Amino acid sequence: MSDTGVSWNDANNPEQLRRSTLADRMAEQIIERIMTLGLRPGDEVPSEGELARQFGANRLAVREAIRTLVAREILVSSQGRPARVTVPSSRVFGQMLEFRLRQQSLDLDNLVDTRRVIEGELVRRAAQRVAAGEVDAAPARALLEEMAGRQHDRDRFVELDVAFHHAIAELAGNRMLTLILESLEGVLLESRRASFEGRTRAGLSQGRALLAHARILDAIVGGDPDAAAGAMAEHLSDTIQDLRAP
């Protein structure tokens, strides 16, 4: 069953497909109405019956439209109450990226290139904010110290690696860039496991990765945006080599 209520067996059912198409259109209209009215998280949308009346549609199509928006995390529903507006997480976008990677329409090189653009800017902003005294890099330092003690525990080392980069994103203070990075979390875990294994196959310790992270953090703490971006670029170049290790 898909988000729009179409199952494999319905694929050749014209009536089901027409209803699904109508539900998709209604979902977009509900989104437009939410934005036009300036509804905020927690605000209720009209009941299924009222939406059906407003849009001149049947309640089944309205119900399917709401289900679609719940799946997208635009609405949240509860039994016996109208659906309410919510704040979408990075999960939906992340699922799409993971699916694209697994279908080979994106590859890990694309992922690293994307990280270079996003994280290069994040470390610049983080260094600027640290220099201005707006944030403290202590949480990132603590994560790095724990990583040093987990070099032989792949899964924990990788989790800490992801958390370290997220901590840097938080220092940068740009919610949009941080949201994009969060949406990559699933594929980043896969990428970092591959990097870890690549270093292992090449007979390298995780010390090189730790040193790269330390250079990034030292540049941020030193308030040097150019050095931070350069250290991040060098780290990601090493990552590409690790991913390509035979």
Protein backbone atom coordinates (compact mmCIF):
# COMPACT_ATOMS: atom_id res chain seq x y z
CA MET A 1 0.00 0.00 0.00
CA SER A 2 1.43 3.41 -0.96
CA ASP A 3 1.04 6.72 0.87
CA THR A 4 -1.85 7.55 -1.45
CA GLY A 5 -3.70 4.32 -0.65
CA VAL A 6 -2.89 2.52 -3.93
CA SER A 7 -1.83 -1.12 -3.56
CA TRP A 8 -0.07 -3.33 -6.10
CA ASN A 9 -3.40 -4.94 -6.95
CA ASP A 10 -5.00 -1.54 -7.60
CA ALA A 11 -2.44 -0.55 -10.24
CA ASN A 12 -4.77 -1.46 -13.11
CA ASN A 13 -7.94 -0.22 -11.43
CA PRO A 14 -8.98 3.01 -13.22
CA GLU A 15 -11.45 4.03 -10.51
CA GLN A 16 -8.83 3.64 -7.76
CA LEU A 17 -6.29 5.59 -9.79
CA ARG A 18 -8.77 8.41 -10.46
CA ARG A 19 -9.56 8.63 -6.75
CA SER A 20 -5.84 8.62 -5.93
CA THR A 21 -5.19 11.43 -8.40
CA LEU A 22 -8.01 13.45 -6.87
CA ALA A 23 -6.61 12.82 -3.40
CA ASP A 24 -3.18 14.03 -4.53
CA ARG A 25 -4.70 17.24 -5.91
CA MET A 26 -6.63 17.77 -2.71
CA ALA A 27 -3.48 17.21 -0.65
CA GLU A 28 -1.79 20.03 -2.56
CA GLN A 29 -4.85 22.26 -2.04
CA ILE A 30 -4.79 21.57 1.69
CA ILE A 31 -1.11 22.55 1.79
CA GLU A 32 -1.90 25.78 -0.07
CA ARG A 33 -4.74 26.52 2.36
CA ILE A 34 -2.45 25.91 5.35
CA MET A 35 0.10 28.38 3.97
CA THR A 36 -2.51 30.94 2.93
CA LEU A 37 -4.13 30.93 6.37
CA GLY A 38 -0.76 30.93 8.11
CA LEU A 39 -1.62 27.89 10.22
CA ARG A 40 1.04 26.98 12.76
CA PRO A 41 2.05 23.63 14.29
CA GLY A 42 -0.77 22.40 16.50
CA ASP A 43 -3.49 24.28 14.58
CA GLU A 44 -6.37 22.11 13.39
CA VAL A 45 -7.51 21.84 9.79
CA PRO A 46 -11.23 21.43 9.12
CA SER A 47 -12.85 18.02 9.58
CA GLU A 48 -13.04 15.53 6.71
CA GLY A 49 -16.69 16.40 6.18
CA GLU A 50 -16.01 20.14 6.07
CA LEU A 51 -13.08 19.70 3.69
CA ALA A 52 -15.24 17.52 1.44
CA ARG A 53 -17.87 20.25 1.38
CA GLN A 54 -15.35 23.01 0.68
CA PHE A 55 -13.64 21.10 -2.13
CA GLY A 56 -16.78 19.53 -3.55
CA ALA A 57 -15.31 16.04 -3.17
CA ASN A 58 -16.25 12.83 -1.41
CA ARG A 59 -14.96 12.07 2.06
CA LEU A 60 -12.97 9.05 0.91
CA ALA A 61 -10.78 11.24 -1.31
CA VAL A 62 -10.38 13.70 1.58
CA ARG A 63 -9.38 10.87 3.91
CA GLU A 64 -6.77 9.67 1.42
CA ALA A 65 -5.43 13.21 1.01
CA ILE A 66 -5.04 13.54 4.78
CA ARG A 67 -3.32 10.16 4.95
CA THR A 68 -0.87 11.36 2.31
CA LEU A 69 -0.11 14.51 4.31
CA VAL A 70 0.28 12.51 7.51
CA ALA A 71 2.80 10.28 5.73
CA ARG A 72 4.68 13.41 4.67
CA GLU A 73 4.59 14.63 8.28
CA ILE A 74 2.72 17.80 7.27
CA LEU A 75 -0.30 16.76 9.32
CA VAL A 76 -0.75 14.56 12.37
CA SER A 77 -4.07 12.83 13.01
CA SER A 78 -5.70 11.33 16.08
CA GLN A 79 -8.88 9.33 16.49
CA GLY A 80 -12.00 11.44 16.75
CA ARG A 81 -10.29 14.81 16.19
CA PRO A 82 -9.51 16.86 13.08
CA ALA A 83 -5.96 16.57 11.78
CA ARG A 84 -3.47 19.13 13.04
CA VAL A 85 -0.54 20.87 11.38
CA THR A 86 2.88 19.59 12.42
CA VAL A 87 6.53 20.27 11.60
CA PRO A 88 7.96 17.78 9.09
CA SER A 89 11.17 16.13 10.20
CA SER A 90 14.11 15.27 7.96
CA ARG A 91 12.94 11.64 7.87
CA VAL A 92 10.85 11.79 4.69
CA PHE A 93 13.56 13.49 2.65
CA GLY A 94 16.10 11.11 4.13
CA GLN A 95 14.07 8.08 3.05
CA MET A 96 13.95 9.42 -0.50
CA LEU A 97 17.72 9.87 -0.58
CA GLU A 98 18.33 6.39 0.78
CA PHE A 99 16.00 4.94 -1.84
CA ARG A 100 17.77 6.87 -4.62
CA LEU A 101 21.15 5.60 -3.45
CA ARG A 102 19.94 2.02 -3.34
CA GLN A 103 18.45 2.36 -6.84
CA GLN A 104 21.88 3.61 -7.99
CA SER A 105 20.52 6.88 -9.36
CA LEU A 106 22.83 8.53 -6.80
CA ASP A 107 26.17 7.18 -5.63
CA LEU A 108 28.48 7.76 -2.70
CA ASP A 109 30.64 10.14 -4.73
CA ASN A 110 27.54 12.33 -5.19
CA LEU A 111 26.99 12.17 -1.45
CA VAL A 112 30.53 13.29 -0.64
CA ASP A 113 30.30 16.14 -3.16
CA THR A 114 27.09 17.27 -1.48
CA ARG A 115 28.77 17.12 1.91
CA ARG A 116 31.63 19.22 0.57
CA VAL A 117 29.24 22.02 -0.37
CA ILE A 118 27.07 21.87 2.75
CA GLU A 119 29.68 21.13 5.40
CA GLY A 120 32.24 23.48 3.91
CA GLU A 121 29.82 26.33 4.53
CA LEU A 122 28.79 24.99 7.93
CA VAL A 123 32.36 24.94 9.27
CA ARG A 124 32.91 28.48 7.99
CA ARG A 125 29.85 29.72 9.85
CA ALA A 126 30.78 27.73 12.94
CA ALA A 127 34.23 29.33 13.03
CA GLN A 128 32.73 32.80 12.63
CA ARG A 129 30.28 32.25 15.49
CA VAL A 130 32.94 30.82 17.79
CA ALA A 131 35.18 33.80 17.01
CA ALA A 132 32.30 36.13 17.88
CA GLY A 133 31.79 34.36 21.20
CA GLU A 134 28.29 33.27 20.27
CA VAL A 135 28.79 29.50 20.76
CA ASP A 136 31.02 27.05 22.60
CA ALA A 137 32.62 24.08 20.80
CA ALA A 138 32.94 21.98 23.98
CA PRO A 139 30.23 19.43 22.96
CA ALA A 140 32.05 18.72 19.70
CA ARG A 141 35.34 18.34 21.61
CA ALA A 142 33.74 15.81 23.97
CA LEU A 143 32.49 13.74 21.03
CA LEU A 144 35.95 13.75 19.46
CA GLU A 145 37.50 12.58 22.71
CA GLU A 146 35.04 9.70 22.93
CA MET A 147 35.76 8.76 19.31
CA ALA A 148 39.44 8.41 20.21
CA GLY A 149 38.55 5.69 22.68
CA ARG A 150 36.24 3.81 20.29
CA GLN A 151 38.54 3.20 17.32
CA HIS A 152 37.96 -0.57 17.42
CA ASP A 153 34.18 -0.33 17.82
CA ARG A 154 32.99 0.38 14.30
CA ASP A 155 29.33 1.05 15.01
CA ARG A 156 29.94 3.35 17.97
CA PHE A 157 32.79 5.13 16.21
CA VAL A 158 30.53 5.80 13.22
CA GLU A 159 27.67 7.03 15.43
CA LEU A 160 30.03 9.44 17.15
CA ASP A 161 31.35 10.58 13.77
CA VAL A 162 27.84 11.50 12.65
CA ALA A 163 27.16 13.20 15.99
CA PHE A 164 30.40 15.21 15.69
CA HIS A 165 29.41 16.60 12.30
CA HIS A 166 25.93 17.36 13.62
CA ALA A 167 27.47 19.25 16.55
CA ILE A 168 29.46 21.35 14.07
CA ALA A 169 26.22 22.06 12.19
CA GLU A 170 24.61 23.22 15.42
CA LEU A 171 27.54 25.59 16.00
CA ALA A 172 26.91 27.09 12.57
CA GLY A 173 23.37 28.04 13.57
CA ASN A 174 21.78 27.68 10.12
CA ARG A 175 18.62 25.62 10.54
CA MET A 176 18.12 24.98 6.83
CA LEU A 177 21.62 23.59 6.31
CA THR A 178 21.33 21.58 9.50
CA LEU A 179 17.99 20.11 8.35
CA ILE A 180 19.56 19.04 5.05
CA LEU A 181 22.44 17.41 6.91
CA GLU A 182 20.01 15.65 9.25
CA SER A 183 18.11 14.28 6.25
CA LEU A 184 21.35 12.66 5.10
CA GLU A 185 21.87 10.87 8.42
CA GLY A 186 20.82 7.44 7.19
CA VAL A 187 23.01 7.48 4.09
CA LEU A 188 25.84 9.11 6.04
CA LEU A 189 25.86 6.16 8.43
CA GLU A 190 26.23 3.84 5.46
CA SER A 191 28.96 6.01 3.94
CA ARG A 192 30.90 6.20 7.18
CA ARG A 193 30.72 2.45 7.70
CA ALA A 194 32.12 2.03 4.19
CA SER A 195 34.89 4.55 4.99
CA PHE A 196 35.73 2.72 8.21
CA GLU A 197 35.93 -0.60 6.38
CA GLY A 198 37.97 0.98 3.58
CA ARG A 199 40.59 2.20 6.05
CA THR A 200 40.64 -1.22 7.68
CA ARG A 201 41.18 -3.00 4.36
CA ALA A 202 43.99 -0.58 3.53
CA GLY A 203 45.67 -1.46 6.81
CA LEU A 204 45.11 2.01 8.24
CA SER A 205 43.93 2.87 11.73
CA GLN A 206 41.13 5.29 12.44
CA GLY A 207 43.78 7.75 13.62
CA ARG A 208 43.79 9.55 10.28
CA ALA A 209 40.07 10.25 10.55
CA LEU A 210 40.50 11.43 14.13
CA LEU A 211 43.33 13.76 13.11
CA ALA A 212 41.19 15.18 10.30
CA HIS A 213 38.34 15.86 12.73
CA ALA A 214 40.76 17.46 15.18
CA ARG A 215 42.07 19.79 12.47
CA ILE A 216 38.55 20.84 11.58
CA LEU A 217 37.65 21.51 15.20
CA ASP A 218 40.91 23.33 15.96
CA ALA A 219 40.30 25.67 13.03
CA ILE A 220 36.76 26.33 14.23
CA VAL A 221 37.91 26.97 17.81
CA GLY A 222 40.62 29.22 16.40
CA GLY A 223 37.95 31.26 14.61
CA ASP A 224 39.52 30.67 11.17
CA PRO A 225 36.79 30.03 8.56
CA ASP A 226 39.22 29.46 5.67
CA ALA A 227 41.29 26.94 7.61
CA ALA A 228 38.13 25.16 8.77
CA ALA A 229 36.80 24.87 5.21
CA GLY A 230 40.18 23.67 3.98
CA ALA A 231 40.39 21.03 6.71
CA MET A 232 36.88 19.83 5.86
CA ALA A 233 37.72 19.62 2.15
CA GLU A 234 40.84 17.59 2.92
CA HIS A 235 38.88 15.28 5.20
CA LEU A 236 36.29 14.63 2.50
CA SER A 237 39.00 13.96 -0.08
CA ASP A 238 40.36 11.30 2.28
CA THR A 239 36.82 9.93 2.59
CA ILE A 240 36.62 9.45 -1.19
CA GLN A 241 39.88 7.49 -1.10
CA ASP A 242 38.56 5.33 1.74
CA LEU A 243 35.35 4.61 -0.17
CA ARG A 244 37.34 3.54 -3.22
CA ALA A 245 39.67 1.26 -1.29
CA PRO A 246 39.76 -2.20 -2.92
